[in-house]
Amino acid sequence: MYYTHPCSYCHKLFYVYDTDKYRAAATLYAGIKKHLQDYDEDHKEHDFDDGASVDTQEVASAMTESAEPPPGGYDLG
């Protein structure tokens, strides 16, 4: 299954293919957090400031799933 979540600051769409929802959420959180840091945007947003465990749970509850990768998304797999 493809799991998708947007960047909390710039709204770019990130996705990963995984068979486990919570592992996918952890991958999405880590990838989006790295993206925020790489583009010096981490200090501009506050959605990913609660720590990895809490934020991963938030990603898991908000991400979408589909059988196909989203068009125009950034693959974190």
N, C-alpha and C. Protein backbone atom coordinates (compact mmCIF):
# COMPACT_ATOMS: atom_id res chain seq x y z
N MET A 1 0.84 -1.17 0.00
CA MET A 1 0.00 0.00 0.00
C MET A 1 0.89 1.24 0.00
N TYR A 2 0.48 2.26 -0.72
CA TYR A 2 1.17 3.55 -0.73
C TYR A 2 0.56 4.45 0.34
N TYR A 3 1.40 5.03 1.16
CA TYR A 3 0.96 5.94 2.21
C TYR A 3 1.51 7.32 1.89
N THR A 4 0.67 8.33 2.05
CA THR A 4 0.99 9.68 1.61
C THR A 4 0.70 10.69 2.72
N HIS A 5 1.60 11.69 2.82
CA HIS A 5 1.40 12.79 3.77
C HIS A 5 2.10 14.02 3.21
N PRO A 6 1.47 15.20 3.31
CA PRO A 6 2.13 16.41 2.81
C PRO A 6 3.10 17.00 3.84
N CYS A 7 4.06 17.76 3.34
CA CYS A 7 4.95 18.53 4.22
C CYS A 7 4.08 19.52 4.98
N SER A 8 4.34 19.67 6.25
CA SER A 8 3.53 20.55 7.08
C SER A 8 3.80 22.03 6.81
N TYR A 9 4.86 22.34 6.07
CA TYR A 9 5.16 23.74 5.77
C TYR A 9 4.90 24.10 4.31
N CYS A 10 5.52 23.37 3.38
CA CYS A 10 5.41 23.73 1.96
C CYS A 10 4.34 22.93 1.23
N HIS A 11 3.80 21.91 1.87
CA HIS A 11 2.71 21.08 1.34
C HIS A 11 3.10 20.17 0.17
N LYS A 12 4.42 19.99 -0.08
CA LYS A 12 4.84 18.98 -1.06
C LYS A 12 4.34 17.63 -0.56
N LEU A 13 3.96 16.78 -1.48
CA LEU A 13 3.40 15.49 -1.13
C LEU A 13 4.50 14.42 -1.10
N PHE A 14 4.62 13.73 0.02
CA PHE A 14 5.60 12.66 0.18
C PHE A 14 4.85 11.34 0.32
N TYR A 15 5.46 10.26 -0.19
CA TYR A 15 4.82 8.96 -0.06
C TYR A 15 5.86 7.86 0.12
N VAL A 16 5.37 6.73 0.59
CA VAL A 16 6.21 5.55 0.77
C VAL A 16 5.34 4.32 0.53
N TYR A 17 5.95 3.28 0.00
CA TYR A 17 5.25 2.01 -0.15
C TYR A 17 5.69 1.12 1.00
N ASP A 18 4.72 0.55 1.72
CA ASP A 18 5.04 -0.33 2.84
C ASP A 18 3.83 -1.23 3.12
N THR A 19 4.08 -2.35 3.76
CA THR A 19 3.00 -3.25 4.15
C THR A 19 2.53 -3.00 5.58
N ASP A 20 3.25 -2.14 6.31
CA ASP A 20 2.91 -1.85 7.70
C ASP A 20 2.63 -0.34 7.84
N LYS A 21 1.44 0.00 8.28
CA LYS A 21 1.01 1.39 8.39
C LYS A 21 1.91 2.21 9.32
N TYR A 22 2.28 1.65 10.46
CA TYR A 22 3.06 2.41 11.43
C TYR A 22 4.52 2.56 11.02
N ARG A 23 5.04 1.58 10.32
CA ARG A 23 6.39 1.72 9.78
C ARG A 23 6.39 2.78 8.68
N ALA A 24 5.34 2.81 7.88
CA ALA A 24 5.20 3.83 6.84
C ALA A 24 5.10 5.22 7.48
N ALA A 25 4.35 5.34 8.56
CA ALA A 25 4.23 6.63 9.25
C ALA A 25 5.58 7.10 9.78
N ALA A 26 6.37 6.18 10.32
CA ALA A 26 7.70 6.54 10.83
C ALA A 26 8.61 7.00 9.69
N THR A 27 8.52 6.32 8.55
CA THR A 27 9.33 6.71 7.38
C THR A 27 8.89 8.08 6.86
N LEU A 28 7.60 8.31 6.79
CA LEU A 28 7.10 9.61 6.34
C LEU A 28 7.52 10.72 7.30
N TYR A 29 7.37 10.48 8.59
CA TYR A 29 7.78 11.49 9.58
C TYR A 29 9.26 11.82 9.42
N ALA A 30 10.11 10.81 9.37
CA ALA A 30 11.56 11.03 9.27
C ALA A 30 11.92 11.75 7.97
N GLY A 31 11.30 11.36 6.88
CA GLY A 31 11.59 11.98 5.59
C GLY A 31 11.14 13.43 5.52
N ILE A 32 9.96 13.71 6.05
CA ILE A 32 9.46 15.08 6.03
C ILE A 32 10.26 15.95 6.99
N LYS A 33 10.61 15.41 8.14
CA LYS A 33 11.43 16.17 9.11
C LYS A 33 12.79 16.52 8.49
N LYS A 34 13.40 15.56 7.80
CA LYS A 34 14.68 15.81 7.13
C LYS A 34 14.51 16.87 6.05
N HIS A 35 13.44 16.78 5.28
CA HIS A 35 13.14 17.77 4.26
C HIS A 35 13.05 19.17 4.88
N LEU A 36 12.34 19.29 5.99
CA LEU A 36 12.19 20.57 6.67
C LEU A 36 13.55 21.12 7.11
N GLN A 37 14.40 20.24 7.63
CA GLN A 37 15.72 20.67 8.08
C GLN A 37 16.62 21.03 6.90
N ASP A 38 16.60 20.23 5.84
CA ASP A 38 17.44 20.48 4.66
C ASP A 38 17.11 21.81 3.99
N TYR A 39 15.85 22.19 4.00
CA TYR A 39 15.43 23.43 3.36
C TYR A 39 15.27 24.57 4.36
N ASP A 40 15.80 24.40 5.56
CA ASP A 40 15.78 25.42 6.60
C ASP A 40 14.36 25.93 6.87
N GLU A 41 13.42 25.01 6.90
CA GLU A 41 12.02 25.35 7.16
C GLU A 41 11.54 24.80 8.50
N ASP A 42 12.38 24.02 9.17
CA ASP A 42 11.94 23.35 10.40
C ASP A 42 11.52 24.35 11.48
N HIS A 43 12.21 25.47 11.57
CA HIS A 43 11.88 26.46 12.59
C HIS A 43 10.64 27.29 12.23
N LYS A 44 10.16 27.16 10.98
CA LYS A 44 9.02 27.94 10.52
C LYS A 44 7.68 27.25 10.76
N GLU A 45 7.70 25.98 11.10
CA GLU A 45 6.45 25.25 11.33
C GLU A 45 6.50 24.59 12.70
N HIS A 46 5.34 24.22 13.22
CA HIS A 46 5.27 23.68 14.57
C HIS A 46 4.53 22.34 14.66
N ASP A 47 4.17 21.77 13.53
CA ASP A 47 3.45 20.49 13.54
C ASP A 47 4.36 19.32 13.88
N PHE A 48 5.64 19.43 13.60
CA PHE A 48 6.57 18.32 13.80
C PHE A 48 7.55 18.63 14.93
N ASP A 49 7.05 19.23 16.00
CA ASP A 49 7.90 19.62 17.12
C ASP A 49 7.60 18.87 18.42
N ASP A 50 6.78 17.83 18.35
CA ASP A 50 6.37 17.13 19.57
C ASP A 50 7.23 15.92 19.88
N GLY A 51 8.19 15.62 19.04
CA GLY A 51 9.02 14.42 19.21
C GLY A 51 8.59 13.33 18.26
N ALA A 52 9.52 12.46 17.95
CA ALA A 52 9.29 11.43 16.93
C ALA A 52 8.09 10.54 17.25
N SER A 53 7.96 10.11 18.47
CA SER A 53 6.88 9.18 18.83
C SER A 53 5.50 9.82 18.64
N VAL A 54 5.32 10.99 19.18
CA VAL A 54 4.02 11.68 19.08
C VAL A 54 3.74 12.07 17.64
N ASP A 55 4.74 12.64 16.98
CA ASP A 55 4.53 13.08 15.59
C ASP A 55 4.28 11.91 14.65
N THR A 56 4.92 10.78 14.89
CA THR A 56 4.67 9.60 14.06
C THR A 56 3.22 9.14 14.21
N GLN A 57 2.70 9.19 15.43
CA GLN A 57 1.29 8.84 15.65
C GLN A 57 0.36 9.81 14.92
N GLU A 58 0.72 11.10 14.93
CA GLU A 58 -0.09 12.09 14.23
C GLU A 58 -0.07 11.85 12.72
N VAL A 59 1.11 11.51 12.18
CA VAL A 59 1.22 11.20 10.76
C VAL A 59 0.37 9.98 10.44
N ALA A 60 0.45 8.94 11.28
CA ALA A 60 -0.32 7.71 11.05
C ALA A 60 -1.82 7.98 10.99
N SER A 61 -2.30 8.90 11.81
CA SER A 61 -3.74 9.17 11.81
C SER A 61 -4.16 10.09 10.67
N ALA A 62 -3.22 10.85 10.10
CA ALA A 62 -3.57 11.82 9.06
C ALA A 62 -3.20 11.39 7.64
N MET A 63 -2.33 10.41 7.49
CA MET A 63 -1.87 10.03 6.15
C MET A 63 -2.98 9.31 5.39
N THR A 64 -2.86 9.35 4.07
CA THR A 64 -3.82 8.65 3.24
C THR A 64 -3.15 7.42 2.64
N GLU A 65 -3.95 6.46 2.23
CA GLU A 65 -3.42 5.25 1.62
C GLU A 65 -4.11 4.98 0.30
N SER A 66 -3.34 4.39 -0.62
CA SER A 66 -3.89 4.07 -1.93
C SER A 66 -3.11 2.92 -2.55
N ALA A 67 -3.69 2.32 -3.57
CA ALA A 67 -3.04 1.21 -4.26
C ALA A 67 -2.00 1.70 -5.27
N GLU A 68 -2.07 2.96 -5.65
CA GLU A 68 -1.15 3.55 -6.63
C GLU A 68 -0.39 4.71 -6.01
N PRO A 69 0.83 4.96 -6.48
CA PRO A 69 1.55 6.14 -5.96
C PRO A 69 0.87 7.42 -6.42
N PRO A 70 0.93 8.47 -5.61
CA PRO A 70 0.28 9.73 -6.00
C PRO A 70 1.06 10.40 -7.12
N PRO A 71 0.37 10.98 -8.07
CA PRO A 71 1.08 11.68 -9.15
C PRO A 71 1.77 12.93 -8.59
N GLY A 72 3.02 13.11 -8.95
CA GLY A 72 3.77 14.28 -8.53
C GLY A 72 4.31 14.22 -7.12
N GLY A 73 4.16 13.10 -6.43
CA GLY A 73 4.66 12.97 -5.08
C GLY A 73 6.14 12.63 -5.04
N TYR A 74 6.74 12.81 -3.89
CA TYR A 74 8.15 12.51 -3.68
C TYR A 74 8.28 11.18 -2.94
N ASP A 75 8.93 10.22 -3.56
CA ASP A 75 9.06 8.87 -3.02
C ASP A 75 10.14 8.85 -1.92
N LEU A 76 9.77 8.41 -0.74
CA LEU A 76 10.71 8.29 0.38
C LEU A 76 11.20 6.85 0.56
N GLY A 77 10.77 5.97 -0.33
CA GLY A 77 11.13 4.57 -0.21
C GLY A 77 12.43 4.29 -0.81
